[in-house]
C-alpha atoms as a PDB file:
ATOM      1  CA  UNK A   1       0.000   0.000   0.000  1.00  0.00           C
ATOM      2  CA  UNK A   2       1.160   3.534  -0.686  1.00  0.00           C
ATOM      3  CA  UNK A   3       3.309   4.822   2.198  1.00  0.00           C
ATOM      4  CA  UNK A   4       1.522   8.206   2.201  1.00  0.00           C
ATOM      5  CA  UNK A   5      -1.825   6.479   2.654  1.00  0.00           C
ATOM      6  CA  UNK A   6      -0.382   4.399   5.504  1.00  0.00           C
ATOM      7  CA  UNK A   7       0.936   7.550   7.210  1.00  0.00           C
ATOM      8  CA  UNK A   8      -2.530   9.105   7.010  1.00  0.00           C
ATOM      9  CA  UNK A   9      -4.128   5.894   8.291  1.00  0.00           C
ATOM     10  CA  UNK A  10      -1.764   5.803  11.280  1.00  0.00           C
ATOM     11  CA  UNK A  11      -2.679   9.430  12.063  1.00  0.00           C
ATOM     12  CA  UNK A  12      -6.438   8.768  11.911  1.00  0.00           C
ATOM     13  CA  UNK A  13      -8.371   9.598  15.071  1.00  0.00           C
ATOM     14  CA  UNK A  14     -11.277   7.208  14.397  1.00  0.00           C
ATOM     15  CA  UNK A  15     -12.509   4.308  12.294  1.00  0.00           C
ATOM     16  CA  UNK A  16     -14.643   6.810  10.368  1.00  0.00           C
ATOM     17  CA  UNK A  17     -11.476   8.639   9.306  1.00  0.00           C
ATOM     18  CA  UNK A  18      -9.974   5.314   8.128  1.00  0.00           C
ATOM     19  CA  UNK A  19     -13.167   4.606   6.165  1.00  0.00           C
ATOM     20  CA  UNK A  20     -13.125   8.083   4.588  1.00  0.00           C
ATOM     21  CA  UNK A  21      -9.434   7.680   3.695  1.00  0.00           C
ATOM     22  CA  UNK A  22     -10.164   4.321   2.047  1.00  0.00           C
ATOM     23  CA  UNK A  23     -13.038   5.773  -0.006  1.00  0.00           C
ATOM     24  CA  UNK A  24     -10.898   8.765  -0.968  1.00  0.00           C
ATOM     25  CA  UNK A  25      -8.241   6.385  -2.313  1.00  0.00           C
ATOM     26  CA  UNK A  26     -10.677   3.997  -4.009  1.00  0.00           C
ATOM     27  CA  UNK A  27     -10.047   1.180  -1.515  1.00  0.00           C
ATOM     28  CA  UNK A  28     -13.006  -1.017  -0.597  1.00  0.00           C
ATOM     29  CA  UNK A  29     -13.385  -1.235   3.169  1.00  0.00           C
ATOM     30  CA  UNK A  30     -16.455  -2.030   5.250  1.00  0.00           C
ATOM     31  CA  UNK A  31     -17.175  -0.108   8.476  1.00  0.00           C
ATOM     32  CA  UNK A  32     -16.248  -3.266  10.442  1.00  0.00           C
ATOM     33  CA  UNK A  33     -12.906  -3.552   8.594  1.00  0.00           C
ATOM     34  CA  UNK A  34     -12.268   0.157   9.180  1.00  0.00           C
ATOM     35  CA  UNK A  35     -12.886  -0.382  12.918  1.00  0.00           C
ATOM     36  CA  UNK A  36     -10.514  -3.388  12.981  1.00  0.00           C
ATOM     37  CA  UNK A  37      -7.872  -1.450  11.055  1.00  0.00           C
ATOM     38  CA  UNK A  38      -8.165   1.546  13.395  1.00  0.00           C
ATOM     39  CA  UNK A  39      -7.833  -0.727  16.449  1.00  0.00           C
ATOM     40  CA  UNK A  40      -4.789  -2.420  14.928  1.00  0.00           C
ATOM     41  CA  UNK A  41      -3.070   0.860  14.017  1.00  0.00           C
ATOM     42  CA  UNK A  42      -3.828   2.605  17.301  1.00  0.00           C
ATOM     43  CA  UNK A  43      -2.912  -0.283  19.583  1.00  0.00           C
ATOM     44  CA  UNK A  44      -0.547   0.609  22.425  1.00  0.00           C
ATOM     45  CA  UNK A  45       0.594  -1.075  25.607  1.00  0.00           C
ATOM     46  CA  UNK A  46       0.937  -4.799  26.204  1.00  0.00           C
ATOM     47  CA  UNK A  47       0.673  -7.291  23.368  1.00  0.00           C
ATOM     48  CA  UNK A  48      -1.567 -10.349  23.459  1.00  0.00           C
ATOM     49  CA  UNK A  49      -0.260 -13.910  23.830  1.00  0.00           C
ATOM     50  CA  UNK A  50      -1.044 -14.523  20.146  1.00  0.00           C
ATOM     51  CA  UNK A  51       0.924 -11.426  19.085  1.00  0.00           C
ATOM     52  CA  UNK A  52       3.806 -12.511  21.301  1.00  0.00           C
ATOM     53  CA  UNK A  53       3.786 -15.960  19.658  1.00  0.00           C
ATOM     54  CA  UNK A  54       3.893 -14.315  16.230  1.00  0.00           C
ATOM     55  CA  UNK A  55       6.945 -12.174  16.982  1.00  0.00           C
ATOM     56  CA  UNK A  56       8.768 -14.863  18.940  1.00  0.00           C
ATOM     57  CA  UNK A  57       8.771 -17.467  16.193  1.00  0.00           C
ATOM     58  CA  UNK A  58       5.315 -18.935  16.659  1.00  0.00           C
ATOM     59  CA  UNK A  59       4.369 -17.890  13.143  1.00  0.00           C
ATOM     60  CA  UNK A  60       2.469 -14.931  11.779  1.00  0.00           C
ATOM     61  CA  UNK A  61      -1.157 -15.908  11.951  1.00  0.00           C
ATOM     62  CA  UNK A  62      -4.526 -14.222  12.288  1.00  0.00           C
ATOM     63  CA  UNK A  63      -7.819 -15.531  13.624  1.00  0.00           C
ATOM     64  CA  UNK A  64     -10.816 -15.355  11.285  1.00  0.00           C
ATOM     65  CA  UNK A  65     -14.111 -16.953  12.284  1.00  0.00           C
ATOM     66  CA  UNK A  66     -12.404 -19.228  14.802  1.00  0.00           C
ATOM     67  CA  UNK A  67      -9.668 -20.499  12.470  1.00  0.00           C
ATOM     68  CA  UNK A  68      -6.005 -19.463  12.220  1.00  0.00           C
ATOM     69  CA  UNK A  69      -4.578 -18.372   8.867  1.00  0.00           C
ATOM     70  CA  UNK A  70      -1.058 -17.445   7.734  1.00  0.00           C
ATOM     71  CA  UNK A  71      -0.618 -13.682   7.272  1.00  0.00           C
ATOM     72  CA  UNK A  72       0.808 -12.801   3.861  1.00  0.00           C
ATOM     73  CA  UNK A  73       2.424  -9.734   2.317  1.00  0.00           C
ATOM     74  CA  UNK A  74       2.340  -8.315  -1.176  1.00  0.00           C
ATOM     75  CA  UNK A  75       5.532  -8.887  -3.088  1.00  0.00           C
ATOM     76  CA  UNK A  76       6.445 -12.115  -1.281  1.00  0.00           C
ATOM     77  CA  UNK A  77       6.541 -15.428  -3.100  1.00  0.00           C
ATOM     78  CA  UNK A  78       4.029 -18.070  -2.027  1.00  0.00           C
ATOM     79  CA  UNK A  79       5.297 -19.953   1.021  1.00  0.00           C
ATOM     80  CA  UNK A  80       2.099 -21.908   1.756  1.00  0.00           C
ATOM     81  CA  UNK A  81       2.234 -23.891  -1.497  1.00  0.00           C
ATOM     82  CA  UNK A  82      -1.315 -22.831  -2.384  1.00  0.00           C
ATOM     83  CA  UNK A  83      -0.609 -20.236  -5.110  1.00  0.00           C
ATOM     84  CA  UNK A  84      -3.190 -20.010  -7.887  1.00  0.00           C
ATOM     85  CA  UNK A  85      -3.283 -16.887 -10.067  1.00  0.00           C
ATOM     86  CA  UNK A  86      -6.297 -14.619  -9.486  1.00  0.00           C
ATOM     87  CA  UNK A  87      -5.837 -11.984 -12.161  1.00  0.00           C
ATOM     88  CA  UNK A  88      -4.707 -10.986 -15.592  1.00  0.00           C
ATOM     89  CA  UNK A  89      -2.426  -7.954 -15.818  1.00  0.00           C
ATOM     90  CA  UNK A  90      -1.915  -5.775 -18.850  1.00  0.00           C
ATOM     91  CA  UNK A  91       1.163  -3.649 -19.392  1.00  0.00           C
ATOM     92  CA  UNK A  92       2.191  -0.933 -21.827  1.00  0.00           C
ATOM     93  CA  UNK A  93       5.275  -1.212 -24.067  1.00  0.00           C
ATOM     94  CA  UNK A  94       7.503  -0.099 -21.154  1.00  0.00           C
ATOM     95  CA  UNK A  95       6.175  -2.862 -18.910  1.00  0.00           C
ATOM     96  CA  UNK A  96       4.159  -0.537 -16.673  1.00  0.00           C
ATOM     97  CA  UNK A  97       0.961  -2.181 -15.412  1.00  0.00           C
ATOM     98  CA  UNK A  98      -2.114  -0.277 -16.519  1.00  0.00           C
ATOM     99  CA  UNK A  99      -4.942  -2.736 -15.919  1.00  0.00           C
ATOM    100  CA  UNK A 100      -5.633  -5.656 -13.606  1.00  0.00           C
ATOM    101  CA  UNK A 101      -8.615  -7.917 -14.212  1.00  0.00           C
ATOM    102  CA  UNK A 102      -9.638 -10.109 -11.281  1.00  0.00           C
ATOM    103  CA  UNK A 103     -10.637 -13.646 -12.224  1.00  0.00           C
ATOM    104  CA  UNK A 104     -12.179 -14.923  -9.000  1.00  0.00           C
ATOM    105  CA  UNK A 105     -13.126 -13.232  -5.735  1.00  0.00           C
ATOM    106  CA  UNK A 106     -14.059  -9.572  -6.031  1.00  0.00           C
ATOM    107  CA  UNK A 107     -14.013  -8.745  -2.293  1.00  0.00           C
ATOM    108  CA  UNK A 108     -11.624  -5.935  -1.420  1.00  0.00           C
ATOM    109  CA  UNK A 109     -10.922  -5.539  -5.116  1.00  0.00           C
ATOM    110  CA  UNK A 110      -9.045  -2.265  -4.615  1.00  0.00           C
ATOM    111  CA  UNK A 111      -6.676  -3.879  -2.097  1.00  0.00           C
ATOM    112  CA  UNK A 112      -6.275  -6.896  -4.370  1.00  0.00           C
ATOM    113  CA  UNK A 113      -5.477  -4.668  -7.353  1.00  0.00           C
ATOM    114  CA  UNK A 114      -2.971  -2.669  -5.305  1.00  0.00           C
ATOM    115  CA  UNK A 115      -1.215  -5.887  -4.275  1.00  0.00           C
ATOM    116  CA  UNK A 116      -1.414  -7.295  -7.834  1.00  0.00           C
ATOM    117  CA  UNK A 117       0.253  -4.200  -9.343  1.00  0.00           C
ATOM    118  CA  UNK A 118       3.358  -4.795  -7.251  1.00  0.00           C
ATOM    119  CA  UNK A 119       3.467  -8.561  -7.409  1.00  0.00           C
ATOM    120  CA  UNK A 120       5.010 -10.991  -9.855  1.00  0.00           C
ATOM    121  CA  UNK A 121       3.772 -14.443 -10.857  1.00  0.00           C
ATOM    122  CA  UNK A 122       3.813 -16.614  -7.736  1.00  0.00           C
ATOM    123  CA  UNK A 123       3.445 -13.654  -5.323  1.00  0.00           C
ATOM    124  CA  UNK A 124       0.694 -13.523  -2.708  1.00  0.00           C
ATOM    125  CA  UNK A 125      -0.689 -10.354  -4.276  1.00  0.00           C
ATOM    126  CA  UNK A 126      -1.701 -12.279  -7.388  1.00  0.00           C
ATOM    127  CA  UNK A 127      -3.116 -15.361  -5.652  1.00  0.00           C
ATOM    128  CA  UNK A 128      -6.808 -16.300  -5.665  1.00  0.00           C
ATOM    129  CA  UNK A 129      -6.551 -17.507  -2.045  1.00  0.00           C
ATOM    130  CA  UNK A 130      -5.600 -14.053  -0.763  1.00  0.00           C
ATOM    131  CA  UNK A 131      -8.245 -12.695   1.630  1.00  0.00           C
ATOM    132  CA  UNK A 132      -8.379  -9.600   3.803  1.00  0.00           C
ATOM    133  CA  UNK A 133      -9.594  -8.848   7.299  1.00  0.00           C
ATOM    134  CA  UNK A 134      -9.165  -5.363   8.679  1.00  0.00           C
ATOM    135  CA  UNK A 135      -6.746  -4.556   5.867  1.00  0.00           C
ATOM    136  CA  UNK A 136      -4.553  -7.525   6.801  1.00  0.00           C
ATOM    137  CA  UNK A 137      -3.863 -10.060   4.029  1.00  0.00           C
ATOM    138  CA  UNK A 138      -4.008 -13.774   4.789  1.00  0.00           C
ATOM    139  CA  UNK A 139      -3.886 -17.061   2.880  1.00  0.00           C
ATOM    140  CA  UNK A 140      -7.361 -18.641   3.014  1.00  0.00           C
ATOM    141  CA  UNK A 141      -5.871 -22.058   2.107  1.00  0.00           C
ATOM    142  CA  UNK A 142      -3.739 -22.110   5.264  1.00  0.00           C
ATOM    143  CA  UNK A 143      -6.540 -22.694   7.805  1.00  0.00           C
ATOM    144  CA  UNK A 144      -5.716 -24.549  11.001  1.00  0.00           C
END
């Protein structure tokens, strides 16, 4: 995601400001996801046991509907072994991406397109199993 957008998101005083910022930048975000994102960005103090596990080698995972999933990042090659391309990209003669067509899931399409623009074949940003919760990307094939 654009660093300037992230700076503005970190400076937001409420979930409504996060939601407005997302709309302003053509990023699909539900009010619930905006609330989760705001809570994540404004978190201070002690970390939870799960967060401690993640930073101490327990893996980077997130809970979604009672299941744990591997957190993924745009620009990283698939490390879950589940990669399946989710889009077609079109480039101009200089190789600059000018269009991304999603093939499967359309949820969070703006986030998906942002990730897809920076990714290469085999990267999480181009995978059909990429899902988002609160702006956090995770591999939906990695459920525990």
